[in-house]
């Protein structure tokens, strides 16, 4: 899940990119309202957890563990077909998150 690492690994205007990613995931994976809500909640929870880790002087290992936890939560929300589409479109999602930052 390299695009999640790039998305959450650095600073920048993540709010807009998170919304764009959520919109793309919802359309591509045909997420139902419940799945979309849970994905959004997972993104928000990770951002808060990451912020708390950083403010407490935590290290990259703690952030990586939180990221892995979020990725596991997201994967658990998807059915097998959605997981295949997600994997096939990973480069697209990474591109969405990198847009305009080079």
N, C-alpha and C. Protein backbone atom coordinates (compact mmCIF):
# COMPACT_ATOMS: atom_id res chain seq x y z
N UNK A 1 0.83 -1.19 0.00
CA UNK A 1 0.00 0.00 0.00
C UNK A 1 0.87 1.25 0.00
N UNK A 2 1.73 1.35 -0.98
CA UNK A 2 2.67 2.45 -1.06
C UNK A 2 2.03 3.81 -1.10
N UNK A 3 0.87 3.92 -1.74
CA UNK A 3 0.26 5.24 -1.83
C UNK A 3 -0.19 5.74 -0.47
N UNK A 4 -0.54 4.84 0.46
CA UNK A 4 -0.89 5.29 1.80
C UNK A 4 0.34 5.83 2.50
N UNK A 5 1.48 5.20 2.28
CA UNK A 5 2.70 5.70 2.88
C UNK A 5 3.00 7.11 2.39
N UNK A 6 2.89 7.33 1.11
CA UNK A 6 3.18 8.65 0.57
C UNK A 6 2.14 9.66 1.01
N UNK A 7 0.91 9.22 1.09
CA UNK A 7 -0.18 10.11 1.48
C UNK A 7 -0.02 10.59 2.92
N UNK A 8 0.25 9.65 3.80
CA UNK A 8 0.29 9.99 5.21
C UNK A 8 1.70 10.24 5.74
N UNK A 9 2.70 10.00 4.91
CA UNK A 9 4.07 10.11 5.39
C UNK A 9 4.61 11.52 5.45
N UNK A 10 4.05 12.45 4.74
CA UNK A 10 4.61 13.79 4.70
C UNK A 10 3.59 14.85 5.02
N UNK A 11 4.06 16.08 5.05
CA UNK A 11 3.17 17.20 5.32
C UNK A 11 2.41 17.61 4.08
N UNK A 12 1.86 18.79 4.10
CA UNK A 12 1.15 19.29 2.94
C UNK A 12 -0.34 19.34 3.15
N UNK A 13 -1.03 19.73 2.12
CA UNK A 13 -2.48 19.89 2.18
C UNK A 13 -3.15 18.54 2.00
N UNK A 14 -3.26 17.79 3.06
CA UNK A 14 -3.78 16.44 2.98
C UNK A 14 -5.30 16.40 2.95
N UNK A 15 -5.98 17.40 3.49
CA UNK A 15 -7.43 17.37 3.54
C UNK A 15 -8.04 17.23 2.17
N UNK A 16 -7.60 18.02 1.23
CA UNK A 16 -8.12 17.95 -0.13
C UNK A 16 -7.78 16.65 -0.81
N UNK A 17 -6.59 16.18 -0.61
CA UNK A 17 -6.16 14.93 -1.22
C UNK A 17 -6.90 13.75 -0.60
N UNK A 18 -7.17 13.80 0.69
CA UNK A 18 -7.91 12.73 1.33
C UNK A 18 -9.33 12.67 0.76
N UNK A 19 -9.96 13.83 0.57
CA UNK A 19 -11.30 13.87 0.01
C UNK A 19 -11.31 13.34 -1.42
N UNK A 20 -10.28 13.72 -2.19
CA UNK A 20 -10.17 13.25 -3.57
C UNK A 20 -9.95 11.74 -3.62
N UNK A 21 -9.11 11.23 -2.73
CA UNK A 21 -8.87 9.80 -2.67
C UNK A 21 -10.15 9.07 -2.29
N UNK A 22 -10.85 9.57 -1.29
CA UNK A 22 -12.09 8.92 -0.86
C UNK A 22 -13.10 8.88 -2.00
N UNK A 23 -13.20 9.97 -2.74
CA UNK A 23 -14.13 10.02 -3.87
C UNK A 23 -13.75 8.98 -4.93
N UNK A 24 -12.46 8.90 -5.22
CA UNK A 24 -11.99 7.94 -6.21
C UNK A 24 -12.20 6.50 -5.74
N UNK A 25 -11.88 6.22 -4.48
CA UNK A 25 -12.08 4.88 -3.94
C UNK A 25 -13.56 4.51 -3.98
N UNK A 26 -14.41 5.45 -3.61
CA UNK A 26 -15.85 5.19 -3.59
C UNK A 26 -16.36 4.83 -4.98
N UNK A 27 -15.92 5.59 -5.98
CA UNK A 27 -16.38 5.33 -7.36
C UNK A 27 -15.77 4.04 -7.91
N UNK A 28 -14.48 3.88 -7.79
CA UNK A 28 -13.79 2.73 -8.39
C UNK A 28 -14.20 1.41 -7.75
N UNK A 29 -14.33 1.43 -6.43
CA UNK A 29 -14.62 0.19 -5.71
C UNK A 29 -16.11 -0.02 -5.49
N UNK A 30 -16.90 0.95 -5.94
CA UNK A 30 -18.34 0.91 -5.74
C UNK A 30 -18.67 0.69 -4.26
N UNK A 31 -18.02 1.51 -3.42
CA UNK A 31 -18.25 1.41 -1.98
C UNK A 31 -19.68 1.82 -1.66
N UNK A 32 -20.30 1.09 -0.75
CA UNK A 32 -21.61 1.52 -0.30
C UNK A 32 -21.42 2.61 0.75
N UNK A 33 -22.50 3.22 1.17
CA UNK A 33 -22.42 4.35 2.10
C UNK A 33 -21.71 3.96 3.40
N UNK A 34 -21.98 2.77 3.88
CA UNK A 34 -21.36 2.31 5.11
C UNK A 34 -19.84 2.16 4.94
N UNK A 35 -19.42 1.55 3.83
CA UNK A 35 -17.98 1.39 3.58
C UNK A 35 -17.30 2.74 3.44
N UNK A 36 -17.90 3.65 2.69
CA UNK A 36 -17.30 4.97 2.48
C UNK A 36 -17.15 5.70 3.81
N UNK A 37 -18.16 5.59 4.65
CA UNK A 37 -18.11 6.23 5.96
C UNK A 37 -16.99 5.64 6.81
N UNK A 38 -16.85 4.32 6.77
CA UNK A 38 -15.81 3.67 7.56
C UNK A 38 -14.41 3.99 7.04
N UNK A 39 -14.25 4.12 5.72
CA UNK A 39 -12.96 4.51 5.15
C UNK A 39 -12.62 5.93 5.61
N UNK A 40 -13.57 6.82 5.54
CA UNK A 40 -13.36 8.20 5.98
C UNK A 40 -12.99 8.25 7.46
N UNK A 41 -13.68 7.46 8.26
CA UNK A 41 -13.38 7.41 9.69
C UNK A 41 -11.97 6.86 9.93
N UNK A 42 -11.57 5.87 9.17
CA UNK A 42 -10.23 5.30 9.32
C UNK A 42 -9.16 6.32 8.97
N UNK A 43 -9.38 7.09 7.88
CA UNK A 43 -8.44 8.15 7.50
C UNK A 43 -8.33 9.18 8.63
N UNK A 44 -9.47 9.62 9.14
CA UNK A 44 -9.48 10.65 10.19
C UNK A 44 -8.82 10.14 11.47
N UNK A 45 -9.13 8.91 11.84
CA UNK A 45 -8.54 8.33 13.05
C UNK A 45 -7.03 8.22 12.91
N UNK A 46 -6.55 7.83 11.72
CA UNK A 46 -5.12 7.73 11.52
C UNK A 46 -4.46 9.10 11.61
N UNK A 47 -5.07 10.10 10.99
CA UNK A 47 -4.49 11.45 11.06
C UNK A 47 -4.37 11.92 12.50
N UNK A 48 -5.39 11.67 13.30
CA UNK A 48 -5.35 12.07 14.71
C UNK A 48 -4.30 11.27 15.48
N UNK A 49 -4.25 9.98 15.21
CA UNK A 49 -3.27 9.14 15.89
C UNK A 49 -1.86 9.55 15.52
N UNK A 50 -1.64 9.84 14.25
CA UNK A 50 -0.32 10.29 13.79
C UNK A 50 0.08 11.59 14.46
N UNK A 51 -0.88 12.51 14.54
CA UNK A 51 -0.62 13.79 15.18
C UNK A 51 -0.25 13.60 16.65
N UNK A 52 -0.97 12.72 17.34
CA UNK A 52 -0.70 12.45 18.76
C UNK A 52 0.68 11.82 18.94
N UNK A 53 1.03 10.89 18.07
CA UNK A 53 2.34 10.24 18.15
C UNK A 53 3.45 11.28 17.98
N UNK A 54 3.29 12.14 16.97
CA UNK A 54 4.31 13.17 16.72
C UNK A 54 4.42 14.14 17.88
N UNK A 55 3.28 14.57 18.43
CA UNK A 55 3.33 15.56 19.51
C UNK A 55 3.90 14.96 20.80
N UNK A 56 3.80 13.65 20.94
CA UNK A 56 4.36 12.98 22.11
C UNK A 56 5.82 12.60 21.90
N UNK A 57 6.37 12.99 20.76
CA UNK A 57 7.76 12.68 20.48
C UNK A 57 7.98 11.26 19.99
N UNK A 58 6.91 10.64 19.51
CA UNK A 58 7.00 9.27 19.03
C UNK A 58 7.87 9.15 17.80
N UNK A 59 8.22 7.92 17.50
CA UNK A 59 9.12 7.70 16.36
C UNK A 59 8.37 7.18 15.14
N UNK A 60 9.11 7.04 14.06
CA UNK A 60 8.52 6.58 12.80
C UNK A 60 7.97 5.17 12.92
N UNK A 61 8.55 4.37 13.78
CA UNK A 61 8.06 3.01 13.98
C UNK A 61 6.64 2.99 14.51
N UNK A 62 6.33 3.91 15.42
CA UNK A 62 4.97 3.99 15.95
C UNK A 62 4.00 4.46 14.87
N UNK A 63 4.43 5.40 14.05
CA UNK A 63 3.58 5.87 12.96
C UNK A 63 3.37 4.75 11.95
N UNK A 64 4.42 4.00 11.66
CA UNK A 64 4.31 2.87 10.73
C UNK A 64 3.32 1.83 11.27
N UNK A 65 3.37 1.56 12.57
CA UNK A 65 2.44 0.59 13.16
C UNK A 65 1.00 1.09 13.05
N UNK A 66 0.79 2.38 13.27
CA UNK A 66 -0.55 2.97 13.14
C UNK A 66 -1.01 2.89 11.69
N UNK A 67 -0.11 3.12 10.76
CA UNK A 67 -0.44 3.04 9.33
C UNK A 67 -0.84 1.63 8.96
N UNK A 68 -0.09 0.64 9.46
CA UNK A 68 -0.41 -0.76 9.18
C UNK A 68 -1.78 -1.13 9.74
N UNK A 69 -2.09 -0.61 10.91
CA UNK A 69 -3.39 -0.87 11.53
C UNK A 69 -4.50 -0.30 10.65
N UNK A 70 -4.32 0.93 10.16
CA UNK A 70 -5.32 1.55 9.31
C UNK A 70 -5.48 0.76 8.01
N UNK A 71 -4.38 0.34 7.42
CA UNK A 71 -4.43 -0.42 6.18
C UNK A 71 -5.19 -1.73 6.39
N UNK A 72 -4.96 -2.37 7.51
CA UNK A 72 -5.68 -3.61 7.83
C UNK A 72 -7.17 -3.36 7.98
N UNK A 73 -7.52 -2.24 8.61
CA UNK A 73 -8.93 -1.89 8.76
C UNK A 73 -9.57 -1.68 7.40
N UNK A 74 -8.88 -0.98 6.51
CA UNK A 74 -9.43 -0.71 5.18
C UNK A 74 -9.59 -2.00 4.39
N UNK A 75 -8.60 -2.84 4.43
CA UNK A 75 -8.65 -4.11 3.71
C UNK A 75 -9.81 -4.97 4.20
N UNK A 76 -10.04 -4.96 5.50
CA UNK A 76 -11.12 -5.75 6.08
C UNK A 76 -12.51 -5.29 5.61
N UNK A 77 -12.61 -4.03 5.20
CA UNK A 77 -13.89 -3.49 4.75
C UNK A 77 -14.27 -3.95 3.34
N UNK A 78 -13.29 -4.40 2.57
CA UNK A 78 -13.50 -4.69 1.16
C UNK A 78 -13.81 -6.16 0.91
N UNK A 79 -14.65 -6.40 -0.09
CA UNK A 79 -14.87 -7.78 -0.51
C UNK A 79 -13.74 -8.17 -1.47
N UNK A 80 -13.72 -9.41 -1.90
CA UNK A 80 -12.61 -9.90 -2.73
C UNK A 80 -12.49 -9.12 -4.04
N UNK A 81 -13.61 -8.84 -4.68
CA UNK A 81 -13.59 -8.10 -5.94
C UNK A 81 -13.05 -6.69 -5.73
N UNK A 82 -13.47 -6.04 -4.66
CA UNK A 82 -12.99 -4.69 -4.35
C UNK A 82 -11.49 -4.70 -4.06
N UNK A 83 -11.00 -5.72 -3.39
CA UNK A 83 -9.57 -5.83 -3.11
C UNK A 83 -8.77 -5.93 -4.41
N UNK A 84 -9.28 -6.70 -5.38
CA UNK A 84 -8.61 -6.83 -6.67
C UNK A 84 -8.56 -5.49 -7.40
N UNK A 85 -9.67 -4.78 -7.41
CA UNK A 85 -9.73 -3.47 -8.07
C UNK A 85 -8.79 -2.50 -7.37
N UNK A 86 -8.80 -2.53 -6.05
CA UNK A 86 -7.93 -1.66 -5.25
C UNK A 86 -6.47 -1.89 -5.62
N UNK A 87 -6.05 -3.14 -5.68
CA UNK A 87 -4.66 -3.47 -6.03
C UNK A 87 -4.33 -3.04 -7.45
N UNK A 88 -5.26 -3.26 -8.37
CA UNK A 88 -5.03 -2.91 -9.77
C UNK A 88 -4.91 -1.40 -9.97
N UNK A 89 -5.55 -0.61 -9.12
CA UNK A 89 -5.57 0.85 -9.27
C UNK A 89 -4.60 1.57 -8.32
N UNK A 90 -3.73 0.84 -7.65
CA UNK A 90 -2.84 1.45 -6.67
C UNK A 90 -2.03 2.60 -7.27
N UNK A 91 -1.55 2.45 -8.50
CA UNK A 91 -0.75 3.50 -9.14
C UNK A 91 -1.61 4.75 -9.38
N UNK A 92 -2.84 4.55 -9.76
CA UNK A 92 -3.76 5.67 -9.97
C UNK A 92 -3.95 6.45 -8.67
N UNK A 93 -4.19 5.75 -7.58
CA UNK A 93 -4.40 6.41 -6.29
C UNK A 93 -3.15 7.15 -5.84
N UNK A 94 -2.00 6.55 -6.08
CA UNK A 94 -0.74 7.21 -5.75
C UNK A 94 -0.59 8.50 -6.55
N UNK A 95 -0.95 8.45 -7.82
CA UNK A 95 -0.90 9.64 -8.67
C UNK A 95 -1.82 10.74 -8.18
N UNK A 96 -3.00 10.38 -7.71
CA UNK A 96 -3.92 11.38 -7.15
C UNK A 96 -3.29 12.11 -5.98
N UNK A 97 -2.60 11.36 -5.16
CA UNK A 97 -2.02 11.94 -3.95
C UNK A 97 -0.77 12.77 -4.24
N UNK A 98 -0.08 12.46 -5.33
CA UNK A 98 1.14 13.19 -5.66
C UNK A 98 0.86 14.38 -6.54
N UNK A 99 -0.30 14.50 -7.10
CA UNK A 99 -0.63 15.54 -8.07
C UNK A 99 -0.22 16.93 -7.61
N UNK A 100 0.58 17.58 -8.43
CA UNK A 100 0.98 18.97 -8.18
C UNK A 100 2.00 19.17 -7.10
N UNK A 101 2.68 18.11 -6.65
CA UNK A 101 3.65 18.28 -5.56
C UNK A 101 5.07 17.98 -6.00
N UNK A 102 5.41 18.13 -7.26
CA UNK A 102 6.78 17.85 -7.66
C UNK A 102 7.56 19.06 -7.94
